[in-house]
Amino acid sequence: MATNPRYSNGARRRTIRARWRAIGDPCHICGRPIDYSLGMVTDPRTGRRKPHPMSFVVDEIVPVSHGGDPLDFANTRPAHWI
């Protein structure tokens, strides 16, 4: 099983997340603001923890599956998890 390249260098990925969090840009897909303080929520139906649908995630412009580098800041933008 291949490893996920997004997590092959966790420190760099965390740095990218921290930079976007500090910049505070809106979602690059819908243009709406992102509440960067949102985290995990409990699904009332299953009792499982999952990310809040409107929470922050780092999205790649050129997908990893198409050769994009997930550790290149220029290839990332902030987005909502959903």
PDB file of N, CA and C in Angstrom:
ATOM      1  N   MET A   1       0.846  -1.185   0.000  1.00  0.00           N
ATOM      2  CA  MET A   1       0.000   0.000   0.000  1.00  0.00           C
ATOM      3  C   MET A   1       0.889   1.245   0.000  1.00  0.00           C
ATOM      4  N   ALA A   2       0.611   2.177  -0.883  1.00  0.00           N
ATOM      5  CA  ALA A   2       1.403   3.407  -0.997  1.00  0.00           C
ATOM      6  C   ALA A   2       1.049   4.358   0.145  1.00  0.00           C
ATOM      7  N   THR A   3       2.039   5.132   0.559  1.00  0.00           N
ATOM      8  CA  THR A   3       1.792   6.116   1.610  1.00  0.00           C
ATOM      9  C   THR A   3       1.192   7.377   0.993  1.00  0.00           C
ATOM     10  N   ASN A   4       0.456   8.099   1.793  1.00  0.00           N
ATOM     11  CA  ASN A   4      -0.170   9.335   1.350  1.00  0.00           C
ATOM     12  C   ASN A   4       0.896  10.432   1.330  1.00  0.00           C
ATOM     13  N   PRO A   5       1.187  11.026   0.157  1.00  0.00           N
ATOM     14  CA  PRO A   5       2.245  12.043   0.082  1.00  0.00           C
ATOM     15  C   PRO A   5       1.948  13.300   0.904  1.00  0.00           C
ATOM     16  N   ARG A   6       0.687  13.534   1.242  1.00  0.00           N
ATOM     17  CA  ARG A   6       0.354  14.700   2.069  1.00  0.00           C
ATOM     18  C   ARG A   6       0.976  14.590   3.459  1.00  0.00           C
ATOM     19  N   TYR A   7       1.210  13.361   3.909  1.00  0.00           N
ATOM     20  CA  TYR A   7       1.701  13.149   5.258  1.00  0.00           C
ATOM     21  C   TYR A   7       3.117  12.590   5.291  1.00  0.00           C
ATOM     22  N   SER A   8       3.782  12.554   4.133  1.00  0.00           N
ATOM     23  CA  SER A   8       5.148  12.043   4.100  1.00  0.00           C
ATOM     24  C   SER A   8       6.104  12.981   4.837  1.00  0.00           C
ATOM     25  N   ASN A   9       5.750  14.248   4.925  1.00  0.00           N
ATOM     26  CA  ASN A   9       6.539  15.216   5.683  1.00  0.00           C
ATOM     27  C   ASN A   9       5.549  16.030   6.517  1.00  0.00           C
ATOM     28  N   GLY A  10       5.184  15.484   7.663  1.00  0.00           N
ATOM     29  CA  GLY A  10       4.170  16.101   8.512  1.00  0.00           C
ATOM     30  C   GLY A  10       4.503  17.503   8.963  1.00  0.00           C
ATOM     31  N   ALA A  11       5.789  17.775   9.221  1.00  0.00           N
ATOM     32  CA  ALA A  11       6.179  19.108   9.685  1.00  0.00           C
ATOM     33  C   ALA A  11       5.909  20.154   8.604  1.00  0.00           C
ATOM     34  N   ARG A  12       6.229  19.844   7.354  1.00  0.00           N
ATOM     35  CA  ARG A  12       5.973  20.808   6.267  1.00  0.00           C
ATOM     36  C   ARG A  12       4.479  21.013   6.069  1.00  0.00           C
ATOM     37  N   ARG A  13       3.695  19.948   6.155  1.00  0.00           N
ATOM     38  CA  ARG A  13       2.249  20.071   5.972  1.00  0.00           C
ATOM     39  C   ARG A  13       1.647  20.906   7.104  1.00  0.00           C
ATOM     40  N   ARG A  14       2.112  20.686   8.331  1.00  0.00           N
ATOM     41  CA  ARG A  14       1.627  21.495   9.454  1.00  0.00           C
ATOM     42  C   ARG A  14       2.012  22.958   9.283  1.00  0.00           C
ATOM     43  N   THR A  15       3.194  23.233   8.728  1.00  0.00           N
ATOM     44  CA  THR A  15       3.618  24.607   8.462  1.00  0.00           C
ATOM     45  C   THR A  15       2.703  25.265   7.439  1.00  0.00           C
ATOM     46  N   ILE A  16       2.340  24.531   6.397  1.00  0.00           N
ATOM     47  CA  ILE A  16       1.422  25.059   5.377  1.00  0.00           C
ATOM     48  C   ILE A  16       0.077  25.373   6.011  1.00  0.00           C
ATOM     49  N   ARG A  17      -0.447  24.452   6.825  1.00  0.00           N
ATOM     50  CA  ARG A  17      -1.729  24.678   7.508  1.00  0.00           C
ATOM     51  C   ARG A  17      -1.640  25.927   8.399  1.00  0.00           C
ATOM     52  N   ALA A  18      -0.545  26.064   9.132  1.00  0.00           N
ATOM     53  CA  ALA A  18      -0.376  27.211  10.034  1.00  0.00           C
ATOM     54  C   ALA A  18      -0.308  28.523   9.248  1.00  0.00           C
ATOM     55  N   ARG A  19       0.369  28.517   8.100  1.00  0.00           N
ATOM     56  CA  ARG A  19       0.455  29.738   7.281  1.00  0.00           C
ATOM     57  C   ARG A  19      -0.924  30.155   6.786  1.00  0.00           C
ATOM     58  N   TRP A  20      -1.718  29.200   6.283  1.00  0.00           N
ATOM     59  CA  TRP A  20      -3.058  29.550   5.803  1.00  0.00           C
ATOM     60  C   TRP A  20      -3.944  30.010   6.949  1.00  0.00           C
ATOM     61  N   ARG A  21      -3.804  29.370   8.104  1.00  0.00           N
ATOM     62  CA  ARG A  21      -4.589  29.773   9.278  1.00  0.00           C
ATOM     63  C   ARG A  21      -4.234  31.214   9.666  1.00  0.00           C
ATOM     64  N   ALA A  22      -2.951  31.577   9.621  1.00  0.00           N
ATOM     65  CA  ALA A  22      -2.510  32.936   9.962  1.00  0.00           C
ATOM     66  C   ALA A  22      -2.986  33.959   8.932  1.00  0.00           C
ATOM     67  N   ILE A  23      -3.000  33.571   7.664  1.00  0.00           N
ATOM     68  CA  ILE A  23      -3.459  34.473   6.600  1.00  0.00           C
ATOM     69  C   ILE A  23      -4.959  34.700   6.708  1.00  0.00           C
ATOM     70  N   GLY A  24      -5.704  33.628   6.975  1.00  0.00           N
ATOM     71  CA  GLY A  24      -7.146  33.747   7.197  1.00  0.00           C
ATOM     72  C   GLY A  24      -7.972  33.974   5.947  1.00  0.00           C
ATOM     73  N   ASP A  25      -7.497  33.542   4.792  1.00  0.00           N
ATOM     74  CA  ASP A  25      -8.247  33.724   3.543  1.00  0.00           C
ATOM     75  C   ASP A  25      -9.576  32.970   3.568  1.00  0.00           C
ATOM     76  N   PRO A  26     -10.537  33.419   2.742  1.00  0.00           N
ATOM     77  CA  PRO A  26     -11.798  32.679   2.609  1.00  0.00           C
ATOM     78  C   PRO A  26     -11.585  31.407   1.783  1.00  0.00           C
ATOM     79  N   CYS A  27     -12.609  30.601   1.716  1.00  0.00           N
ATOM     80  CA  CYS A  27     -12.575  29.357   0.945  1.00  0.00           C
ATOM     81  C   CYS A  27     -12.329  29.665  -0.533  1.00  0.00           C
ATOM     82  N   HIS A  28     -11.363  29.011  -1.144  1.00  0.00           N
ATOM     83  CA  HIS A  28     -11.051  29.290  -2.546  1.00  0.00           C
ATOM     84  C   HIS A  28     -12.088  28.681  -3.486  1.00  0.00           C
ATOM     85  N   ILE A  29     -12.964  27.828  -2.977  1.00  0.00           N
ATOM     86  CA  ILE A  29     -13.983  27.202  -3.831  1.00  0.00           C
ATOM     87  C   ILE A  29     -15.267  28.029  -3.848  1.00  0.00           C
ATOM     88  N   CYS A  30     -15.785  28.364  -2.651  1.00  0.00           N
ATOM     89  CA  CYS A  30     -17.069  29.070  -2.589  1.00  0.00           C
ATOM     90  C   CYS A  30     -16.926  30.560  -2.287  1.00  0.00           C
ATOM     91  N   GLY A  31     -15.753  30.987  -1.799  1.00  0.00           N
ATOM     92  CA  GLY A  31     -15.526  32.398  -1.509  1.00  0.00           C
ATOM     93  C   GLY A  31     -16.050  32.855  -0.158  1.00  0.00           C
ATOM     94  N   ARG A  32     -16.712  31.963   0.583  1.00  0.00           N
ATOM     95  CA  ARG A  32     -17.245  32.332   1.895  1.00  0.00           C
ATOM     96  C   ARG A  32     -16.153  32.253   2.956  1.00  0.00           C
ATOM     97  N   PRO A  33     -16.309  33.009   4.041  1.00  0.00           N
ATOM     98  CA  PRO A  33     -15.310  32.972   5.112  1.00  0.00           C
ATOM     99  C   PRO A  33     -15.214  31.584   5.742  1.00  0.00           C
ATOM    100  N   ILE A  34     -14.041  31.282   6.256  1.00  0.00           N
ATOM    101  CA  ILE A  34     -13.809  30.029   6.970  1.00  0.00           C
ATOM    102  C   ILE A  34     -13.642  30.354   8.436  1.00  0.00           C
ATOM    103  N   ASP A  35     -14.358  29.628   9.289  1.00  0.00           N
ATOM    104  CA  ASP A  35     -14.160  29.759  10.736  1.00  0.00           C
ATOM    105  C   ASP A  35     -13.016  28.821  11.095  1.00  0.00           C
ATOM    106  N   TYR A  36     -11.817  29.374  11.215  1.00  0.00           N
ATOM    107  CA  TYR A  36     -10.626  28.577  11.459  1.00  0.00           C
ATOM    108  C   TYR A  36     -10.598  27.951  12.853  1.00  0.00           C
ATOM    109  N   SER A  37     -11.548  28.310  13.721  1.00  0.00           N
ATOM    110  CA  SER A  37     -11.581  27.738  15.067  1.00  0.00           C
ATOM    111  C   SER A  37     -12.404  26.453  15.139  1.00  0.00           C
ATOM    112  N   LEU A  38     -13.140  26.141  14.084  1.00  0.00           N
ATOM    113  CA  LEU A  38     -13.963  24.926  14.103  1.00  0.00           C
ATOM    114  C   LEU A  38     -13.082  23.683  14.087  1.00  0.00           C
ATOM    115  N   GLY A  39     -13.509  22.683  14.791  1.00  0.00           N
ATOM    116  CA  GLY A  39     -12.742  21.435  14.856  1.00  0.00           C
ATOM    117  C   GLY A  39     -13.649  20.239  14.653  1.00  0.00           C
ATOM    118  N   MET A  40     -13.495  19.274  15.508  1.00  0.00           N
ATOM    119  CA  MET A  40     -14.255  18.042  15.413  1.00  0.00           C
ATOM    120  C   MET A  40     -15.619  18.196  16.085  1.00  0.00           C
ATOM    121  N   VAL A  41     -16.609  17.457  15.568  1.00  0.00           N
ATOM    122  CA  VAL A  41     -17.948  17.395  16.154  1.00  0.00           C
ATOM    123  C   VAL A  41     -18.352  15.935  16.253  1.00  0.00           C
ATOM    124  N   THR A  42     -19.320  15.653  17.099  1.00  0.00           N
ATOM    125  CA  THR A  42     -19.832  14.299  17.240  1.00  0.00           C
ATOM    126  C   THR A  42     -21.095  14.156  16.427  1.00  0.00           C
ATOM    127  N   ASP A  43     -21.142  13.146  15.565  1.00  0.00           N
ATOM    128  CA  ASP A  43     -22.322  12.861  14.750  1.00  0.00           C
ATOM    129  C   ASP A  43     -23.385  12.280  15.678  1.00  0.00           C
ATOM    130  N   PRO A  44     -24.544  12.941  15.814  1.00  0.00           N
ATOM    131  CA  PRO A  44     -25.559  12.455  16.752  1.00  0.00           C
ATOM    132  C   PRO A  44     -26.138  11.090  16.363  1.00  0.00           C
ATOM    133  N   ARG A  45     -26.090  10.753  15.088  1.00  0.00           N
ATOM    134  CA  ARG A  45     -26.644   9.464  14.648  1.00  0.00           C
ATOM    135  C   ARG A  45     -25.717   8.303  14.973  1.00  0.00           C
ATOM    136  N   THR A  46     -24.413   8.512  14.796  1.00  0.00           N
ATOM    137  CA  THR A  46     -23.461   7.414  14.967  1.00  0.00           C
ATOM    138  C   THR A  46     -22.622   7.528  16.232  1.00  0.00           C
ATOM    139  N   GLY A  47     -22.533   8.730  16.789  1.00  0.00           N
ATOM    140  CA  GLY A  47     -21.696   8.941  17.956  1.00  0.00           C
ATOM    141  C   GLY A  47     -20.214   9.071  17.609  1.00  0.00           C
ATOM    142  N   ARG A  48     -19.885   9.054  16.337  1.00  0.00           N
ATOM    143  CA  ARG A  48     -18.482   9.154  15.906  1.00  0.00           C
ATOM    144  C   ARG A  48     -18.054  10.611  15.763  1.00  0.00           C
ATOM    145  N   ARG A  49     -16.766  10.842  16.013  1.00  0.00           N
ATOM    146  CA  ARG A  49     -16.204  12.178  15.847  1.00  0.00           C
ATOM    147  C   ARG A  49     -15.800  12.359  14.387  1.00  0.00           C
ATOM    148  N   LYS A  50     -16.046  13.552  13.860  1.00  0.00           N
ATOM    149  CA  LYS A  50     -15.663  13.874  12.490  1.00  0.00           C
ATOM    150  C   LYS A  50     -15.448  15.379  12.394  1.00  0.00           C
ATOM    151  N   PRO A  51     -14.737  15.835  11.352  1.00  0.00           N
ATOM    152  CA  PRO A  51     -14.528  17.282  11.201  1.00  0.00           C
ATOM    153  C   PRO A  51     -15.854  18.015  10.951  1.00  0.00           C
ATOM    154  N   HIS A  52     -15.966  19.197  11.515  1.00  0.00           N
ATOM    155  CA  HIS A  52     -17.140  20.045  11.246  1.00  0.00           C
ATOM    156  C   HIS A  52     -17.156  20.318   9.743  1.00  0.00           C
ATOM    157  N   PRO A  53     -18.316  20.240   9.082  1.00  0.00           N
ATOM    158  CA  PRO A  53     -18.378  20.425   7.622  1.00  0.00           C
ATOM    159  C   PRO A  53     -17.812  21.755   7.122  1.00  0.00           C
ATOM    160  N   MET A  54     -17.890  22.800   7.936  1.00  0.00           N
ATOM    161  CA  MET A  54     -17.401  24.109   7.500  1.00  0.00           C
ATOM    162  C   MET A  54     -16.010  24.427   8.051  1.00  0.00           C
ATOM    163  N   SER A  55     -15.340  23.416   8.614  1.00  0.00           N
ATOM    164  CA  SER A  55     -14.000  23.640   9.157  1.00  0.00           C
ATOM    165  C   SER A  55     -12.971  23.764   8.030  1.00  0.00           C
ATOM    166  N   PHE A  56     -11.790  24.175   8.407  1.00  0.00           N
ATOM    167  CA  PHE A  56     -10.697  24.464   7.488  1.00  0.00           C
ATOM    168  C   PHE A  56      -9.944  23.210   7.066  1.00  0.00           C
ATOM    169  N   VAL A  57      -9.632  23.149   5.778  1.00  0.00           N
ATOM    170  CA  VAL A  57      -8.782  22.096   5.229  1.00  0.00           C
ATOM    171  C   VAL A  57      -7.895  22.732   4.159  1.00  0.00           C
ATOM    172  N   VAL A  58      -6.698  22.179   3.989  1.00  0.00           N
ATOM    173  CA  VAL A  58      -5.808  22.639   2.920  1.00  0.00           C
ATOM    174  C   VAL A  58      -6.143  21.837   1.668  1.00  0.00           C
ATOM    175  N   ASP A  59      -6.430  22.537   0.580  1.00  0.00           N
ATOM    176  CA  ASP A  59      -6.787  21.907  -0.690  1.00  0.00           C
ATOM    177  C   ASP A  59      -5.655  22.133  -1.687  1.00  0.00           C
ATOM    178  N   GLU A  60      -5.400  21.139  -2.517  1.00  0.00           N
ATOM    179  CA  GLU A  60      -4.374  21.284  -3.556  1.00  0.00           C
ATOM    180  C   GLU A  60      -5.016  21.786  -4.851  1.00  0.00           C
ATOM    181  N   ILE A  61      -4.370  22.732  -5.522  1.00  0.00           N
ATOM    182  CA  ILE A  61      -4.848  23.249  -6.803  1.00  0.00           C
ATOM    183  C   ILE A  61      -4.664  22.174  -7.876  1.00  0.00           C
ATOM    184  N   VAL A  62      -3.455  21.682  -8.016  1.00  0.00           N
ATOM    185  CA  VAL A  62      -3.195  20.538  -8.898  1.00  0.00           C
ATOM    186  C   VAL A  62      -3.230  19.315  -7.989  1.00  0.00           C
ATOM    187  N   PRO A  63      -4.224  18.429  -8.168  1.00  0.00           N
ATOM    188  CA  PRO A  63      -4.363  17.284  -7.273  1.00  0.00           C
ATOM    189  C   PRO A  63      -3.115  16.399  -7.251  1.00  0.00           C
ATOM    190  N   VAL A  64      -2.905  15.762  -6.125  1.00  0.00           N
ATOM    191  CA  VAL A  64      -1.785  14.844  -5.970  1.00  0.00           C
ATOM    192  C   VAL A  64      -1.868  13.748  -7.039  1.00  0.00           C
ATOM    193  N   SER A  65      -3.091  13.297  -7.342  1.00  0.00           N
ATOM    194  CA  SER A  65      -3.275  12.239  -8.342  1.00  0.00           C
ATOM    195  C   SER A  65      -2.857  12.668  -9.746  1.00  0.00           C
ATOM    196  N   HIS A  66      -2.733  13.991  -9.957  1.00  0.00           N
ATOM    197  CA  HIS A  66      -2.294  14.511 -11.258  1.00  0.00           C
ATOM    198  C   HIS A  66      -0.890  15.083 -11.195  1.00  0.00           C
ATOM    199  N   GLY A  67      -0.147  14.716 -10.163  1.00  0.00           N
ATOM    200  CA  GLY A  67       1.246  15.135 -10.057  1.00  0.00           C
ATOM    201  C   GLY A  67       1.493  16.380  -9.239  1.00  0.00           C
ATOM    202  N   GLY A  68       0.453  16.934  -8.601  1.00  0.00           N
ATOM    203  CA  GLY A  68       0.639  18.127  -7.776  1.00  0.00           C
ATOM    204  C   GLY A  68       1.414  17.814  -6.514  1.00  0.00           C
ATOM    205  N   ASP A  69       2.156  18.794  -6.044  1.00  0.00           N
ATOM    206  CA  ASP A  69       2.956  18.629  -4.837  1.00  0.00           C
ATOM    207  C   ASP A  69       2.165  19.138  -3.637  1.00  0.00           C
ATOM    208  N   PRO A  70       1.757  18.248  -2.727  1.00  0.00           N
ATOM    209  CA  PRO A  70       0.970  18.682  -1.572  1.00  0.00           C
ATOM    210  C   PRO A  70       1.789  19.452  -0.544  1.00  0.00           C
ATOM    211  N   LEU A  71       3.108  19.481  -0.716  1.00  0.00           N
ATOM    212  CA  LEU A  71       3.973  20.180   0.233  1.00  0.00           C
ATOM    213  C   LEU A  71       4.512  21.490  -0.332  1.00  0.00           C
ATOM    214  N   ASP A  72       3.960  21.929  -1.469  1.00  0.00           N
ATOM    215  CA  ASP A  72       4.343  23.197  -2.085  1.00  0.00           C
ATOM    216  C   ASP A  72       3.257  24.218  -1.750  1.00  0.00           C
ATOM    217  N   PHE A  73       3.599  25.234  -0.960  1.00  0.00           N
ATOM    218  CA  PHE A  73       2.615  26.233  -0.526  1.00  0.00           C
ATOM    219  C   PHE A  73       1.876  26.849  -1.717  1.00  0.00           C
ATOM    220  N   ALA A  74       2.581  27.077  -2.829  1.00  0.00           N
ATOM    221  CA  ALA A  74       1.971  27.697  -4.009  1.00  0.00           C
ATOM    222  C   ALA A  74       0.897  26.803  -4.640  1.00  0.00           C
ATOM    223  N   ASN A  75       0.895  25.515  -4.332  1.00  0.00           N
ATOM    224  CA  ASN A  75      -0.090  24.587  -4.889  1.00  0.00           C
ATOM    225  C   ASN A  75      -1.256  24.348  -3.935  1.00  0.00           C
ATOM    226  N   THR A  76      -1.341  25.120  -2.861  1.00  0.00           N
ATOM    227  CA  THR A  76      -2.402  24.916  -1.880  1.00  0.00           C
ATOM    228  C   THR A  76      -3.245  26.166  -1.703  1.00  0.00           C
ATOM    229  N   ARG A  77      -4.468  25.948  -1.248  1.00  0.00           N
ATOM    230  CA  ARG A  77      -5.392  27.029  -0.908  1.00  0.00           C
ATOM    231  C   ARG A  77      -6.281  26.543   0.235  1.00  0.00           C
ATOM    232  N   PRO A  78      -6.823  27.457   1.026  1.00  0.00           N
ATOM    233  CA  PRO A  78      -7.744  27.052   2.093  1.00  0.00           C
ATOM    234  C   PRO A  78      -9.127  26.751   1.523  1.00  0.00           C
ATOM    235  N   ALA A  79      -9.807  25.803   2.137  1.00  0.00           N
ATOM    236  CA  ALA A  79     -11.159  25.444   1.703  1.00  0.00           C
ATOM    237  C   ALA A  79     -11.935  24.926   2.902  1.00  0.00           C
ATOM    238  N   HIS A  80     -13.254  24.816   2.723  1.00  0.00           N
ATOM    239  CA  HIS A  80     -14.088  24.165   3.735  1.00  0.00           C
ATOM    240  C   HIS A  80     -13.932  22.661   3.591  1.00  0.00           C
ATOM    241  N   TRP A  81     -14.029  21.936   4.693  1.00  0.00           N
ATOM    242  CA  TRP A  81     -13.870  20.486   4.683  1.00  0.00           C
ATOM    243  C   TRP A  81     -14.903  19.809   3.796  1.00  0.00           C
ATOM    244  N   ILE A  82     -16.122  20.317   3.817  1.00  0.00           N
ATOM    245  CA  ILE A  82     -17.200  19.688   3.054  1.00  0.00           C
ATOM    246  C   ILE A  82     -16.952  19.805   1.565  1.00  0.00           C
TER     247      ILE A  82
END
